[in-house]
Protein backbone atom coordinates (compact mmCIF):
# COMPACT_ATOMS: atom_id res chain seq x y z
CA UNK A 1 0.00 0.00 0.00
CA UNK A 2 1.19 3.60 -0.52
CA UNK A 3 3.09 5.10 2.38
CA UNK A 4 1.15 7.46 4.62
CA UNK A 5 3.40 9.33 7.07
CA UNK A 6 2.62 9.82 10.71
CA UNK A 7 3.81 12.75 12.81
CA UNK A 8 7.17 13.31 14.43
CA UNK A 9 10.86 13.24 13.48
CA UNK A 10 10.87 9.49 12.85
CA UNK A 11 8.20 10.02 10.20
CA UNK A 12 10.30 12.75 8.56
CA UNK A 13 13.32 10.47 8.49
CA UNK A 14 11.29 7.64 6.98
CA UNK A 15 10.00 9.69 4.07
CA UNK A 16 13.12 8.87 2.06
CA UNK A 17 13.19 5.13 1.57
CA UNK A 18 13.43 2.38 -1.06
CA UNK A 19 10.31 1.86 -3.15
CA UNK A 20 9.17 -1.29 -4.93
CA UNK A 21 8.03 -0.87 -8.53
CA UNK A 22 6.79 -4.33 -9.41
CA UNK A 23 9.80 -6.69 -9.22
CA UNK A 24 12.27 -3.79 -9.24
CA UNK A 25 13.15 -1.87 -6.08
CA UNK A 26 14.56 1.63 -6.44
CA UNK A 27 17.13 2.53 -3.79
CA UNK A 28 15.11 5.59 -2.83
CA UNK A 29 12.11 7.64 -3.87
CA UNK A 30 13.48 10.93 -5.19
CA UNK A 31 13.34 10.83 -8.98
CA UNK A 32 14.53 12.99 -11.85
CA UNK A 33 11.56 13.37 -14.17
CA UNK A 34 11.84 12.90 -17.93
CA UNK A 35 12.34 16.33 -19.51
CA UNK A 36 12.67 16.69 -23.29
CA UNK A 37 15.92 18.35 -24.29
CA UNK A 38 17.42 18.00 -20.81
CA UNK A 39 17.39 14.44 -19.45
CA UNK A 40 20.38 13.11 -21.39
CA UNK A 41 23.11 10.88 -20.00
CA UNK A 42 25.33 13.72 -18.76
CA UNK A 43 22.50 15.56 -16.99
CA UNK A 44 21.24 12.36 -15.38
CA UNK A 45 24.74 11.43 -14.20
CA UNK A 46 25.14 14.81 -12.54
CA UNK A 47 21.79 14.43 -10.80
CA UNK A 48 22.69 10.93 -9.61
CA UNK A 49 25.89 12.39 -8.19
CA UNK A 50 23.84 14.89 -6.21
CA UNK A 51 21.45 12.31 -4.76
CA UNK A 52 18.77 11.42 -7.33
CA UNK A 53 17.68 7.83 -6.68
CA UNK A 54 16.32 7.05 -10.15
CA UNK A 55 16.44 9.10 -13.33
CA UNK A 56 14.21 8.91 -16.39
CA UNK A 57 15.41 9.44 -19.92
CA UNK A 58 13.73 12.11 -21.95
CA UNK A 59 10.82 10.67 -23.88
CA UNK A 60 11.88 8.39 -26.70
CA UNK A 61 9.79 7.96 -29.85
CA UNK A 62 8.61 4.37 -30.25
CA UNK A 63 8.38 4.88 -34.01
CA UNK A 64 11.97 6.16 -34.26
CA UNK A 65 13.29 3.46 -31.93
CA UNK A 66 11.78 0.64 -33.95
CA UNK A 67 13.28 2.11 -37.12
CA UNK A 68 16.76 2.23 -35.61
CA UNK A 69 17.30 5.98 -35.79
CA UNK A 70 20.80 6.79 -34.59
CA UNK A 71 19.73 9.95 -32.74
CA UNK A 72 17.15 7.94 -30.83
CA UNK A 73 19.77 5.47 -29.67
CA UNK A 74 21.81 8.40 -28.36
CA UNK A 75 18.94 9.28 -26.01
CA UNK A 76 19.35 5.90 -24.31
CA UNK A 77 23.05 6.24 -23.46
CA UNK A 78 23.98 6.31 -19.80
CA UNK A 79 27.05 6.94 -17.69
CA UNK A 80 28.49 4.01 -15.67
CA UNK A 81 27.64 5.92 -12.48
CA UNK A 82 23.97 5.57 -13.38
CA UNK A 83 23.55 1.95 -12.40
CA UNK A 84 19.77 1.99 -12.74
CA UNK A 85 17.56 4.07 -14.99
CA UNK A 86 14.07 4.32 -16.41
CA UNK A 87 13.34 4.72 -20.11
CA UNK A 88 10.23 6.64 -21.12
CA UNK A 89 8.57 5.85 -24.46
CA UNK A 90 5.90 7.76 -26.31
CA UNK A 91 3.64 6.66 -29.11
CA UNK A 92 0.02 6.04 -30.03
CA UNK A 93 0.11 2.52 -31.53
CA UNK A 94 0.05 -0.42 -29.10
CA UNK A 95 1.86 -2.71 -31.53
CA UNK A 96 4.66 -0.20 -32.12
CA UNK A 97 5.01 0.54 -28.41
CA UNK A 98 5.28 -3.21 -27.82
CA UNK A 99 7.97 -3.54 -30.49
CA UNK A 100 9.82 -0.59 -28.97
CA UNK A 101 9.70 -2.21 -25.53
CA UNK A 102 11.25 -5.37 -27.00
CA UNK A 103 13.96 -3.25 -28.63
CA UNK A 104 15.11 -2.02 -25.21
CA UNK A 105 16.57 -5.37 -24.16
CA UNK A 106 20.18 -4.39 -24.86
CA UNK A 107 19.82 -1.19 -22.86
CA UNK A 108 18.79 -3.07 -19.70
CA UNK A 109 16.36 -0.50 -18.25
CA UNK A 110 15.11 -0.94 -14.70
CA UNK A 111 11.72 0.54 -15.63
CA UNK A 112 9.90 1.32 -18.89
CA UNK A 113 7.50 4.25 -18.60
CA UNK A 114 4.66 5.25 -20.92
CA UNK A 115 4.26 8.97 -21.63
CA UNK A 116 0.59 9.95 -21.47
CA UNK A 117 1.23 13.49 -20.35
CA UNK A 118 3.34 15.49 -22.82
CA UNK A 119 1.27 18.54 -23.88
CA UNK A 120 3.51 19.66 -26.77
CA UNK A 121 1.44 20.10 -29.95
CA UNK A 122 3.79 18.13 -32.23
CA UNK A 123 3.45 15.12 -29.91
CA UNK A 124 -0.26 15.53 -29.31
CA UNK A 125 -1.10 15.74 -33.01
CA UNK A 126 0.31 12.23 -33.49
CA UNK A 127 -2.14 10.90 -30.89
CA UNK A 128 0.63 10.39 -28.32
CA UNK A 129 1.44 12.10 -25.03
CA UNK A 130 -1.52 13.77 -23.36
CA UNK A 131 -3.70 13.07 -26.41
CA UNK A 132 -4.03 9.59 -24.92
CA UNK A 133 -5.99 11.09 -22.02
CA UNK A 134 -8.86 11.35 -24.53
CA UNK A 135 -8.61 7.61 -25.26
CA UNK A 136 -8.23 5.83 -21.90
CA UNK A 137 -8.93 2.47 -23.47
CA UNK A 138 -5.93 2.84 -25.76
CA UNK A 139 -3.71 3.45 -22.73
CA UNK A 140 -4.78 0.05 -21.45
CA UNK A 141 -4.03 -1.51 -24.84
CA UNK A 142 -0.57 0.06 -24.90
CA UNK A 143 0.31 -1.04 -21.36
CA UNK A 144 -0.99 -4.55 -21.98
CA UNK A 145 0.88 -4.89 -25.27
CA UNK A 146 4.12 -3.66 -23.72
CA UNK A 147 3.73 -5.96 -20.71
CA UNK A 148 3.27 -8.99 -22.97
CA UNK A 149 6.19 -7.95 -25.18
CA UNK A 150 8.55 -7.63 -22.22
CA UNK A 151 7.45 -10.98 -20.80
CA UNK A 152 7.97 -12.70 -24.15
CA UNK A 153 11.41 -11.09 -24.56
CA UNK A 154 12.82 -12.33 -21.28
CA UNK A 155 12.29 -8.99 -19.54
CA UNK A 156 9.56 -10.01 -17.11
CA UNK A 157 11.50 -8.29 -14.31
CA UNK A 158 11.18 -4.89 -16.03
CA UNK A 159 8.01 -3.13 -14.86
CA UNK A 160 5.81 -0.95 -17.07
CA UNK A 161 4.71 2.33 -15.49
CA UNK A 162 2.54 5.19 -16.72
CA UNK A 163 2.89 8.96 -16.39
CA UNK A 164 -0.29 10.93 -17.08
CA UNK A 165 -2.20 14.13 -16.35
CA UNK A 166 -5.46 15.05 -14.67
CA UNK A 167 -7.22 15.01 -18.01
CA UNK A 168 -7.37 16.83 -21.30
CA UNK A 169 -8.89 19.95 -19.76
CA UNK A 170 -10.93 20.97 -16.73
CA UNK A 171 -14.12 19.59 -18.29
CA UNK A 172 -12.66 16.12 -18.82
CA UNK A 173 -10.87 15.16 -15.59
CA UNK A 174 -10.41 11.41 -15.89
CA UNK A 175 -7.15 10.53 -14.15
CA UNK A 176 -8.82 8.05 -11.78
CA UNK A 177 -10.33 6.20 -14.73
CA UNK A 178 -6.99 6.19 -16.54
CA UNK A 179 -5.24 4.89 -13.40
CA UNK A 180 -7.68 1.99 -13.04
CA UNK A 181 -7.34 1.04 -16.71
CA UNK A 182 -3.53 1.18 -16.52
CA UNK A 183 -3.48 -0.90 -13.34
CA UNK A 184 -5.81 -3.54 -14.80
CA UNK A 185 -3.60 -3.73 -17.90
CA UNK A 186 -0.49 -4.51 -15.86
CA UNK A 187 1.09 -1.19 -14.87
CA UNK A 188 3.33 -1.48 -11.80
CA UNK A 189 3.27 2.19 -10.75
CA UNK A 190 1.56 5.45 -11.64
CA UNK A 191 2.90 8.99 -11.90
CA UNK A 192 0.45 11.87 -11.89
CA UNK A 193 1.46 15.29 -13.16
CA UNK A 194 -1.32 17.13 -11.44
CA UNK A 195 -2.22 19.52 -14.26
CA UNK A 196 -4.44 19.13 -17.31
CA UNK A 197 -3.13 19.14 -20.84
CA UNK A 198 -4.78 22.54 -21.33
CA UNK A 199 -2.73 23.95 -18.43
CA UNK A 200 0.54 22.80 -19.91
CA UNK A 201 3.09 23.81 -17.30
CA UNK A 202 1.22 26.90 -16.09
CA UNK A 203 -0.95 27.38 -13.05
CA UNK A 204 -0.72 25.39 -9.85
CA UNK A 205 -0.54 21.61 -9.69
CA UNK A 206 -3.49 20.09 -7.84
CA UNK A 207 -1.87 17.99 -5.14
CA UNK A 208 -5.28 17.06 -3.71
CA UNK A 209 -5.80 15.03 -6.90
CA UNK A 210 -2.55 13.18 -6.21
CA UNK A 211 -3.82 12.35 -2.72
CA UNK A 212 -7.09 11.04 -4.18
CA UNK A 213 -5.17 8.83 -6.57
CA UNK A 214 -3.05 7.46 -3.72
CA UNK A 215 -6.23 6.59 -1.83
CA UNK A 216 -7.78 4.88 -4.86
CA UNK A 217 -5.07 2.38 -5.78
CA UNK A 218 -2.78 -0.22 -4.27
CA UNK A 219 -0.01 0.69 -6.74
CA UNK A 220 2.84 3.04 -5.85
CA UNK A 221 1.95 6.59 -6.88
CA UNK A 222 4.60 9.17 -7.73
CA UNK A 223 3.76 12.86 -7.64
CA UNK A 224 4.83 15.40 -10.25
CA UNK A 225 4.28 19.15 -10.41
CA UNK A 226 5.57 22.03 -8.28
CA UNK A 227 8.06 20.00 -6.23
CA UNK A 228 11.05 22.19 -7.03
CA UNK A 229 12.83 22.22 -3.66
CA UNK A 230 13.52 19.95 -0.75
CA UNK A 231 10.84 21.66 1.32
CA UNK A 232 8.27 21.20 -1.45
CA UNK A 233 9.22 17.55 -1.91
CA UNK A 234 8.72 16.93 1.79
CA UNK A 235 5.38 18.75 1.71
CA UNK A 236 4.22 16.62 -1.22
CA UNK A 237 5.07 13.45 0.68
CA UNK A 238 3.24 14.67 3.77
CA UNK A 239 0.17 16.11 2.06
CA UNK A 240 -0.45 13.38 -0.50
CA UNK A 241 1.05 10.14 0.84
CA UNK A 242 2.90 9.48 -2.42
CA UNK A 243 5.47 6.71 -2.63
CA UNK A 244 7.88 8.95 -4.55
CA UNK A 245 8.39 12.49 -5.82
CA UNK A 246 9.50 13.47 -9.32
CA UNK A 247 11.49 16.66 -9.74
CA UNK A 248 11.61 18.24 -13.19
CA UNK A 249 12.13 21.97 -13.71
CA UNK A 250 13.45 22.34 -10.17
CA UNK A 251 16.58 20.40 -11.15
CA UNK A 252 17.44 22.53 -14.20
CA UNK A 253 20.70 24.21 -13.34
CA UNK A 254 20.13 22.94 -9.83
CA UNK A 255 20.92 19.23 -9.51
CA UNK A 256 21.67 20.15 -5.89
CA UNK A 257 17.91 20.04 -5.29
CA UNK A 258 18.29 16.30 -4.60
CA UNK A 259 20.86 16.85 -1.85
CA UNK A 260 18.59 19.59 -0.54
CA UNK A 261 15.64 17.18 -0.48
CA UNK A 262 17.65 14.44 1.21
CA UNK A 263 18.60 16.85 3.98
CA UNK A 264 15.06 18.10 4.48
CA UNK A 265 13.58 14.59 4.47
CA UNK A 266 16.11 13.60 7.14
CA UNK A 267 15.08 16.57 9.30
CA UNK A 268 18.26 18.55 8.66
CA UNK A 269 18.67 22.12 7.46
CA UNK A 270 19.92 22.07 3.85
CA UNK A 271 23.09 23.94 2.97
CA UNK A 272 23.01 25.79 -0.37
CA UNK A 273 26.05 24.85 -2.48
CA UNK A 274 28.92 27.29 -2.50
CA UNK A 275 29.74 28.92 -5.81
CA UNK A 276 32.88 26.82 -6.14
CA UNK A 277 30.73 23.71 -5.87
CA UNK A 278 28.25 24.96 -8.47
CA UNK A 279 31.10 25.65 -10.89
CA UNK A 280 32.70 22.27 -10.21
CA UNK A 281 29.45 20.42 -11.00
CA UNK A 282 28.74 22.56 -14.07
CA UNK A 283 32.23 21.83 -15.42
CA UNK A 284 31.70 18.12 -14.86
CA UNK A 285 28.34 18.31 -16.61
CA UNK A 286 29.92 19.83 -19.71
CA UNK A 287 32.81 17.37 -19.67
CA UNK A 288 30.45 14.39 -19.48
CA UNK A 289 28.32 15.79 -22.27
CA UNK A 290 31.36 16.20 -24.54
CA UNK A 291 32.29 12.59 -23.91
CA UNK A 292 28.89 11.41 -25.08
CA UNK A 293 28.11 13.71 -28.01
CA UNK A 294 31.36 15.45 -28.93
CA UNK A 295 32.72 18.84 -27.91
CA UNK A 296 30.94 21.13 -30.34
CA UNK A 297 27.48 19.62 -29.92
CA UNK A 298 27.97 19.43 -26.17
CA UNK A 299 28.81 23.13 -26.03
CA UNK A 300 25.76 24.04 -28.08
CA UNK A 301 23.56 21.93 -25.81
CA UNK A 302 25.24 23.23 -22.66
CA UNK A 303 24.33 26.84 -23.37
CA UNK A 304 20.86 26.33 -21.87
CA UNK A 305 22.31 24.48 -18.89
CA UNK A 306 24.88 27.22 -18.28
CA UNK A 307 22.12 29.82 -18.31
CA UNK A 308 20.25 27.78 -15.72
CA UNK A 309 23.33 27.20 -13.53
CA UNK A 310 24.08 30.94 -13.43
CA UNK A 311 20.52 32.11 -12.76
CA UNK A 312 20.61 34.47 -9.79
CA UNK A 313 24.41 34.40 -9.63
CA UNK A 314 26.53 37.59 -9.46
CA UNK A 315 27.43 38.61 -12.99
CA UNK A 316 25.03 36.02 -14.35
CA UNK A 317 23.50 38.26 -17.01
CA UNK A 318 26.89 39.05 -18.53
CA UNK A 319 27.95 35.40 -18.40
CA UNK A 320 24.77 34.26 -20.09
CA UNK A 321 25.13 36.86 -22.82
CA UNK A 322 28.54 35.45 -23.70
CA UNK A 323 27.54 31.80 -23.25
CA UNK A 324 25.16 31.90 -26.21
CA UNK A 325 28.23 32.31 -28.46
CA UNK A 326 30.36 29.59 -26.84
CA UNK A 327 31.23 26.75 -29.25
CA UNK A 328 34.12 25.02 -27.48
CA UNK A 329 35.16 24.02 -23.97
CA UNK A 330 37.97 26.58 -23.92
CA UNK A 331 35.38 29.35 -24.24
CA UNK A 332 33.32 27.87 -21.42
CA UNK A 333 36.46 27.53 -19.30
CA UNK A 334 36.92 31.29 -19.57
CA UNK A 335 33.31 31.80 -18.52
CA UNK A 336 33.71 29.46 -15.55
CA UNK A 337 36.82 31.40 -14.48
CA UNK A 338 34.96 34.71 -14.78
CA UNK A 339 32.09 33.29 -12.76
CA UNK A 340 34.51 32.18 -10.04
CA UNK A 341 36.16 35.63 -9.91
CA UNK A 342 32.98 37.66 -9.36
CA UNK A 343 32.93 39.19 -5.87
């Protein structure tokens, strides 16, 4: 059954704990959410280093995966420090999603997740992502087909999970129906991003809906939406009874949010990272990225990360203005040195 905390320090300390997802047990319950354009191998490795218990890849197209697209395979790379990871797939065809699940055997994922929540128009127009909230029955077909495919491919120990939204819009809230269909089809855990597709990423996430989902199912429920700090992660655990918390935008430029959350969940006061530590982690992030995708592409990709790392930092505006022209590590090294020298 989902964990419901009691009062007192012992309850605070017990909020961070291993969580069973079908036959797989994650070492803890603080997760890096799948974020398109961010959750690559380097970013995930940095987050693992700062305390993330399980990281999700950015969403991977089932159609592209089954066709062997090289760029799609790159999304599945992982650093040796990331011993366990979850792969998220998106698609609208049960048979293709099943074939994609079979194709993951060589990548050895700990979890395979189904994206039923992405609100981006180019995904929705294909019938995937949050468009599936309008066809709950198809979600069941997809989960069932993937479950059978994994079983038949010798991957019975890999659970299928589902990430979804409240509904398409405020007039079609159907997350409890979707959860029941996914559970009946063989899902091992459920993640609710507590906004509708119409909301996108705006407005406030409805944590009361997460609590209602927890109360309605025997599956582990993971909460997503507005948990961008250790204090907010703890509050989500306490207010909703979730088995795990997913952090998305709160980790952009701030992988330290996981260390922050670990401290708060243990009843300690978190210590914001010193600038030297922020620079050290940012440098490592860029170095890892270059190892995976080459220096030039890594530097182009790292521009957005650098802007996030320097948000609110002294001299940040000037650093960000120059970062958008950086095309090699030497240029970024100069920016890191300038960042370190600001009073």
